[in-house]
Amino acid sequence: MTATIDNDTKKQRAEERKAIREAIKFQKEVDEVKAQPRLESLTITIEWKKSKTWGMNPHATGEAITKDGFRLVGTAKASGCGYCKRSTVIADLFNQFLRHKLYDQKILNRFGFGRPYGISLPKEGENWLHCFDGGIGEGCYRQISEAIGGTWECVAHTDSVEVYQYKEIQK
C-alpha cells in the first residue's frame, strides 16, 4: 500500500514539475513576442513560383523598418491547396514582426466585443499565443491593419509579383 502511495506522489510531483516547466516556457514565448521591435513599416514582396504538385506557390519576403531605423528581413512560404496561400504568407510575416501588437492593451481595448476577422486571441485559461490567421483572404488585412494602428495597401502587382505595405499611423 505504501509503495502505491509513493508512486502516486512521485507521479503527481512529476506532473506538477512538467506543468511548471510548460508555464515557464509559454511565458518566455509571450515575453519574446512582446519584445519584438516596434516598426515604422513592413513591406511584403510575394513572388509566385510554379510547383509541379501544387500549382503557383507564394514565396514572400518581409522587409521591416524599425522605429530606430534598423532593417529586418523575414521570409515565408506556402504550398498545398484548398486555402488562400497569399494570406498565409502575409499572416506569417505579420506574426514575425507585428504579433506584439496583439498584446498591447490599448489595441485590445479597441476590439471591445469584436475583433477583425483574422485575429485569434485565446479565451480565459487557454495557453496559446495571440496570432494573425492565414488562409482567410488578403482582403482582411486592410481591416486588421487599421485595428492595430496602421494602414495596408497593395503598392505593386504583376502576374508573378505582388508588393504590399503596412505602415504605422503617425501619432
C-alpha atoms as a PDB file:
ATOM      1  CA  MET A   1       0.000   0.000   0.000  1.00  0.00           C
ATOM      2  CA  THR A   2       2.830   2.437   0.865  1.00  0.00           C
ATOM      3  CA  ALA A   3       4.594   1.755  -2.457  1.00  0.00           C
ATOM      4  CA  THR A   4       1.407   2.680  -4.341  1.00  0.00           C
ATOM      5  CA  ILE A   5       1.074   5.956  -2.410  1.00  0.00           C
ATOM      6  CA  ASP A   6       4.762   6.741  -3.001  1.00  0.00           C
ATOM      7  CA  ASN A   7       4.364   6.035  -6.754  1.00  0.00           C
ATOM      8  CA  ASP A   8       1.231   8.184  -6.931  1.00  0.00           C
ATOM      9  CA  THR A   9       3.009  11.010  -5.082  1.00  0.00           C
ATOM     10  CA  LYS A  10       6.038  10.797  -7.379  1.00  0.00           C
ATOM     11  CA  LYS A  11       3.774  10.794 -10.421  1.00  0.00           C
ATOM     12  CA  GLN A  12       1.846  13.816  -9.119  1.00  0.00           C
ATOM     13  CA  ARG A  13       5.066  15.727  -8.370  1.00  0.00           C
ATOM     14  CA  ALA A  14       6.403  14.902 -11.839  1.00  0.00           C
ATOM     15  CA  GLU A  15       3.187  16.222 -13.408  1.00  0.00           C
ATOM     16  CA  GLU A  16       3.399  19.386 -11.306  1.00  0.00           C
ATOM     17  CA  ARG A  17       7.028  19.949 -12.383  1.00  0.00           C
ATOM     18  CA  LYS A  18       6.033  19.395 -16.018  1.00  0.00           C
ATOM     19  CA  ALA A  19       3.184  21.919 -15.708  1.00  0.00           C
ATOM     20  CA  ILE A  20       5.567  24.474 -14.181  1.00  0.00           C
ATOM     21  CA  ARG A  21       8.130  23.931 -16.998  1.00  0.00           C
ATOM     22  CA  GLU A  22       5.394  24.361 -19.622  1.00  0.00           C
ATOM     23  CA  ALA A  23       4.117  27.547 -17.950  1.00  0.00           C
ATOM     24  CA  ILE A  24       7.647  28.986 -17.832  1.00  0.00           C
ATOM     25  CA  LYS A  25       8.231  28.076 -21.492  1.00  0.00           C
ATOM     26  CA  PHE A  26       4.922  29.667 -22.527  1.00  0.00           C
ATOM     27  CA  GLN A  27       5.660  32.856 -20.561  1.00  0.00           C
ATOM     28  CA  LYS A  28       9.092  33.044 -22.236  1.00  0.00           C
ATOM     29  CA  GLU A  29       7.387  32.831 -25.672  1.00  0.00           C
ATOM     30  CA  VAL A  30       4.948  35.619 -24.696  1.00  0.00           C
ATOM     31  CA  ASP A  31       7.811  37.788 -23.427  1.00  0.00           C
ATOM     32  CA  GLU A  32       9.722  37.249 -26.710  1.00  0.00           C
ATOM     33  CA  VAL A  33       6.670  38.348 -28.706  1.00  0.00           C
ATOM     34  CA  LYS A  34       6.146  41.418 -26.524  1.00  0.00           C
ATOM     35  CA  ALA A  35       9.808  42.350 -27.077  1.00  0.00           C
ATOM     36  CA  GLN A  36       9.521  42.472 -30.880  1.00  0.00           C
ATOM     37  CA  PRO A  37      10.959  45.720 -32.298  1.00  0.00           C
ATOM     38  CA  ARG A  38       8.422  48.468 -32.981  1.00  0.00           C
ATOM     39  CA  LEU A  39       8.043  49.175 -36.703  1.00  0.00           C
ATOM     40  CA  GLU A  40       7.592  52.145 -38.962  1.00  0.00           C
ATOM     41  CA  SER A  41       6.686  49.936 -41.911  1.00  0.00           C
ATOM     42  CA  LEU A  42       6.603  46.395 -43.243  1.00  0.00           C
ATOM     43  CA  THR A  43       6.911  45.792 -46.986  1.00  0.00           C
ATOM     44  CA  ILE A  44       5.890  42.321 -48.144  1.00  0.00           C
ATOM     45  CA  THR A  45       7.013  41.138 -51.564  1.00  0.00           C
ATOM     46  CA  ILE A  46       5.342  37.956 -52.792  1.00  0.00           C
ATOM     47  CA  GLU A  47       6.862  36.100 -55.714  1.00  0.00           C
ATOM     48  CA  TRP A  48       4.691  33.362 -57.209  1.00  0.00           C
ATOM     49  CA  LYS A  49       6.632  30.254 -58.241  1.00  0.00           C
ATOM     50  CA  LYS A  50       5.383  27.227 -60.153  1.00  0.00           C
ATOM     51  CA  SER A  51       5.203  23.872 -58.359  1.00  0.00           C
ATOM     52  CA  LYS A  52       4.574  20.645 -60.288  1.00  0.00           C
ATOM     53  CA  THR A  53       2.377  19.393 -57.475  1.00  0.00           C
ATOM     54  CA  TRP A  54       0.622  22.471 -56.047  1.00  0.00           C
ATOM     55  CA  GLY A  55       0.466  24.983 -58.883  1.00  0.00           C
ATOM     56  CA  MET A  56       1.596  28.502 -58.080  1.00  0.00           C
ATOM     57  CA  ASN A  57       3.048  28.995 -54.585  1.00  0.00           C
ATOM     58  CA  PRO A  58       3.926  32.252 -52.830  1.00  0.00           C
ATOM     59  CA  HIS A  59       7.457  32.894 -51.620  1.00  0.00           C
ATOM     60  CA  ALA A  60       7.326  36.063 -49.534  1.00  0.00           C
ATOM     61  CA  THR A  61       9.963  38.367 -48.153  1.00  0.00           C
ATOM     62  CA  GLY A  62       9.100  40.895 -45.477  1.00  0.00           C
ATOM     63  CA  GLU A  63      11.327  43.932 -45.047  1.00  0.00           C
ATOM     64  CA  ALA A  64      10.625  45.757 -41.801  1.00  0.00           C
ATOM     65  CA  ILE A  65      11.944  49.175 -40.906  1.00  0.00           C
ATOM     66  CA  THR A  66      12.025  49.716 -37.149  1.00  0.00           C
ATOM     67  CA  LYS A  67      11.333  52.995 -35.375  1.00  0.00           C
ATOM     68  CA  ASP A  68      15.077  53.057 -34.628  1.00  0.00           C
ATOM     69  CA  GLY A  69      15.870  52.884 -38.359  1.00  0.00           C
ATOM     70  CA  PHE A  70      17.043  49.283 -38.481  1.00  0.00           C
ATOM     71  CA  ARG A  71      16.131  46.979 -41.387  1.00  0.00           C
ATOM     72  CA  LEU A  72      14.893  43.468 -40.535  1.00  0.00           C
ATOM     73  CA  VAL A  73      14.077  40.737 -43.044  1.00  0.00           C
ATOM     74  CA  GLY A  74      11.834  37.689 -42.738  1.00  0.00           C
ATOM     75  CA  THR A  75      10.595  35.055 -45.176  1.00  0.00           C
ATOM     76  CA  ALA A  76       7.528  32.865 -45.561  1.00  0.00           C
ATOM     77  CA  LYS A  77       6.331  30.200 -47.999  1.00  0.00           C
ATOM     78  CA  ALA A  78       3.088  28.316 -48.557  1.00  0.00           C
ATOM     79  CA  SER A  79       2.113  25.318 -50.646  1.00  0.00           C
ATOM     80  CA  GLY A  80      -0.770  22.912 -50.911  1.00  0.00           C
ATOM     81  CA  CYS A  81      -4.309  23.661 -51.948  1.00  0.00           C
ATOM     82  CA  GLY A  82      -7.745  24.469 -50.563  1.00  0.00           C
ATOM     83  CA  TYR A  83      -6.897  27.725 -48.777  1.00  0.00           C
ATOM     84  CA  CYS A  84      -5.595  31.218 -49.505  1.00  0.00           C
ATOM     85  CA  LYS A  85      -1.825  30.868 -49.786  1.00  0.00           C
ATOM     86  CA  ARG A  86      -1.340  34.636 -50.217  1.00  0.00           C
ATOM     87  CA  SER A  87      -2.908  35.456 -46.837  1.00  0.00           C
ATOM     88  CA  THR A  88      -0.991  32.597 -45.230  1.00  0.00           C
ATOM     89  CA  VAL A  89       2.404  34.147 -46.048  1.00  0.00           C
ATOM     90  CA  ILE A  90       1.111  37.599 -45.082  1.00  0.00           C
ATOM     91  CA  ALA A  91      -0.060  36.243 -41.713  1.00  0.00           C
ATOM     92  CA  ASP A  92       3.279  34.505 -41.186  1.00  0.00           C
ATOM     93  CA  LEU A  93       5.143  37.783 -41.712  1.00  0.00           C
ATOM     94  CA  PHE A  94       2.675  39.755 -39.564  1.00  0.00           C
ATOM     95  CA  ASN A  95       3.309  37.202 -36.805  1.00  0.00           C
ATOM     96  CA  GLN A  96       7.071  37.550 -37.264  1.00  0.00           C
ATOM     97  CA  PHE A  97       7.014  41.352 -36.987  1.00  0.00           C
ATOM     98  CA  LEU A  98       3.683  42.650 -35.613  1.00  0.00           C
ATOM     99  CA  ARG A  99       2.401  39.996 -33.205  1.00  0.00           C
ATOM    100  CA  HIS A 100       3.407  42.193 -30.236  1.00  0.00           C
ATOM    101  CA  LYS A 101       0.509  44.492 -31.122  1.00  0.00           C
ATOM    102  CA  LEU A 102      -1.926  41.726 -30.160  1.00  0.00           C
ATOM    103  CA  TYR A 103      -0.612  42.029 -26.593  1.00  0.00           C
ATOM    104  CA  ASP A 104      -0.982  45.830 -26.438  1.00  0.00           C
ATOM    105  CA  GLN A 105      -3.830  46.551 -24.017  1.00  0.00           C
ATOM    106  CA  LYS A 106      -4.783  49.794 -25.820  1.00  0.00           C
ATOM    107  CA  ILE A 107      -5.308  47.848 -29.049  1.00  0.00           C
ATOM    108  CA  LEU A 108      -7.154  45.020 -27.291  1.00  0.00           C
ATOM    109  CA  ASN A 109      -9.476  47.579 -25.648  1.00  0.00           C
ATOM    110  CA  ARG A 110     -10.350  48.943 -29.115  1.00  0.00           C
ATOM    111  CA  PHE A 111     -11.643  45.498 -30.104  1.00  0.00           C
ATOM    112  CA  GLY A 112     -14.395  45.627 -27.464  1.00  0.00           C
ATOM    113  CA  PHE A 113     -16.686  42.666 -28.031  1.00  0.00           C
ATOM    114  CA  GLY A 114     -15.499  42.105 -31.582  1.00  0.00           C
ATOM    115  CA  ARG A 115     -12.244  41.984 -33.399  1.00  0.00           C
ATOM    116  CA  PRO A 116     -11.407  41.886 -37.077  1.00  0.00           C
ATOM    117  CA  TYR A 117     -11.682  38.555 -38.809  1.00  0.00           C
ATOM    118  CA  GLY A 118      -8.207  37.058 -38.963  1.00  0.00           C
ATOM    119  CA  ILE A 119      -7.060  37.839 -35.419  1.00  0.00           C
ATOM    120  CA  SER A 120      -7.103  34.947 -32.960  1.00  0.00           C
ATOM    121  CA  LEU A 121      -6.971  35.512 -29.227  1.00  0.00           C
ATOM    122  CA  PRO A 122      -7.149  32.724 -26.642  1.00  0.00           C
ATOM    123  CA  LYS A 123     -10.062  32.523 -24.247  1.00  0.00           C
ATOM    124  CA  GLU A 124      -9.577  32.663 -20.488  1.00  0.00           C
ATOM    125  CA  GLY A 125      -7.473  29.703 -19.347  1.00  0.00           C
ATOM    126  CA  GLU A 126      -6.190  28.766 -22.821  1.00  0.00           C
ATOM    127  CA  ASN A 127      -2.433  28.795 -23.334  1.00  0.00           C
ATOM    128  CA  TRP A 128      -1.552  29.681 -26.896  1.00  0.00           C
ATOM    129  CA  LEU A 129      -0.108  32.817 -28.439  1.00  0.00           C
ATOM    130  CA  HIS A 130      -2.257  35.565 -29.882  1.00  0.00           C
ATOM    131  CA  CYS A 131      -1.842  35.479 -33.643  1.00  0.00           C
ATOM    132  CA  PHE A 132      -2.805  36.651 -37.102  1.00  0.00           C
ATOM    133  CA  ASP A 133      -4.557  33.935 -39.109  1.00  0.00           C
ATOM    134  CA  GLY A 134      -3.630  32.845 -42.598  1.00  0.00           C
ATOM    135  CA  GLY A 135      -5.747  31.137 -45.223  1.00  0.00           C
ATOM    136  CA  ILE A 136      -8.512  33.728 -44.845  1.00  0.00           C
ATOM    137  CA  GLY A 137      -8.033  36.021 -47.832  1.00  0.00           C
ATOM    138  CA  GLU A 138      -5.773  39.051 -48.202  1.00  0.00           C
ATOM    139  CA  GLY A 139      -8.727  41.456 -48.092  1.00  0.00           C
ATOM    140  CA  CYS A 140      -8.985  41.099 -44.297  1.00  0.00           C
ATOM    141  CA  TYR A 141      -5.572  42.653 -43.785  1.00  0.00           C
ATOM    142  CA  ARG A 142      -6.783  46.191 -44.505  1.00  0.00           C
ATOM    143  CA  GLN A 143      -9.211  45.991 -41.566  1.00  0.00           C
ATOM    144  CA  ILE A 144      -6.655  44.147 -39.404  1.00  0.00           C
ATOM    145  CA  SER A 145      -4.028  46.833 -40.124  1.00  0.00           C
ATOM    146  CA  GLU A 146      -6.414  49.619 -39.201  1.00  0.00           C
ATOM    147  CA  ALA A 147      -7.366  47.810 -35.982  1.00  0.00           C
ATOM    148  CA  ILE A 148      -3.715  47.546 -34.874  1.00  0.00           C
ATOM    149  CA  GLY A 149      -2.865  51.146 -35.745  1.00  0.00           C
ATOM    150  CA  GLY A 150      -1.646  51.084 -39.322  1.00  0.00           C
ATOM    151  CA  THR A 151      -2.529  51.215 -42.994  1.00  0.00           C
ATOM    152  CA  TRP A 152      -2.413  48.469 -45.633  1.00  0.00           C
ATOM    153  CA  GLU A 153      -2.130  48.810 -49.368  1.00  0.00           C
ATOM    154  CA  CYS A 154      -1.049  46.939 -52.463  1.00  0.00           C
ATOM    155  CA  VAL A 155       1.742  49.071 -53.932  1.00  0.00           C
ATOM    156  CA  ALA A 156       2.637  46.909 -56.962  1.00  0.00           C
ATOM    157  CA  HIS A 157       1.157  43.953 -58.784  1.00  0.00           C
ATOM    158  CA  THR A 158       2.257  41.928 -61.820  1.00  0.00           C
ATOM    159  CA  ASP A 159       1.446  38.411 -62.979  1.00  0.00           C
ATOM    160  CA  SER A 160       4.166  36.905 -60.806  1.00  0.00           C
ATOM    161  CA  VAL A 161       4.981  39.510 -58.121  1.00  0.00           C
ATOM    162  CA  GLU A 162       2.887  41.438 -55.602  1.00  0.00           C
ATOM    163  CA  VAL A 163       4.074  44.060 -53.148  1.00  0.00           C
ATOM    164  CA  TYR A 164       2.058  45.073 -50.076  1.00  0.00           C
ATOM    165  CA  GLN A 165       2.907  47.633 -47.449  1.00  0.00           C
ATOM    166  CA  TYR A 166       1.876  48.053 -43.832  1.00  0.00           C
ATOM    167  CA  LYS A 167       2.675  51.461 -42.339  1.00  0.00           C
ATOM    168  CA  GLU A 168       2.222  52.684 -38.799  1.00  0.00           C
ATOM    169  CA  ILE A 169      -0.099  55.655 -38.484  1.00  0.00           C
ATOM    170  CA  GLN A 170       1.955  58.547 -37.114  1.00  0.00           C
ATOM    171  CA  LYS A 171       0.568  59.837 -33.813  1.00  0.00           C
END
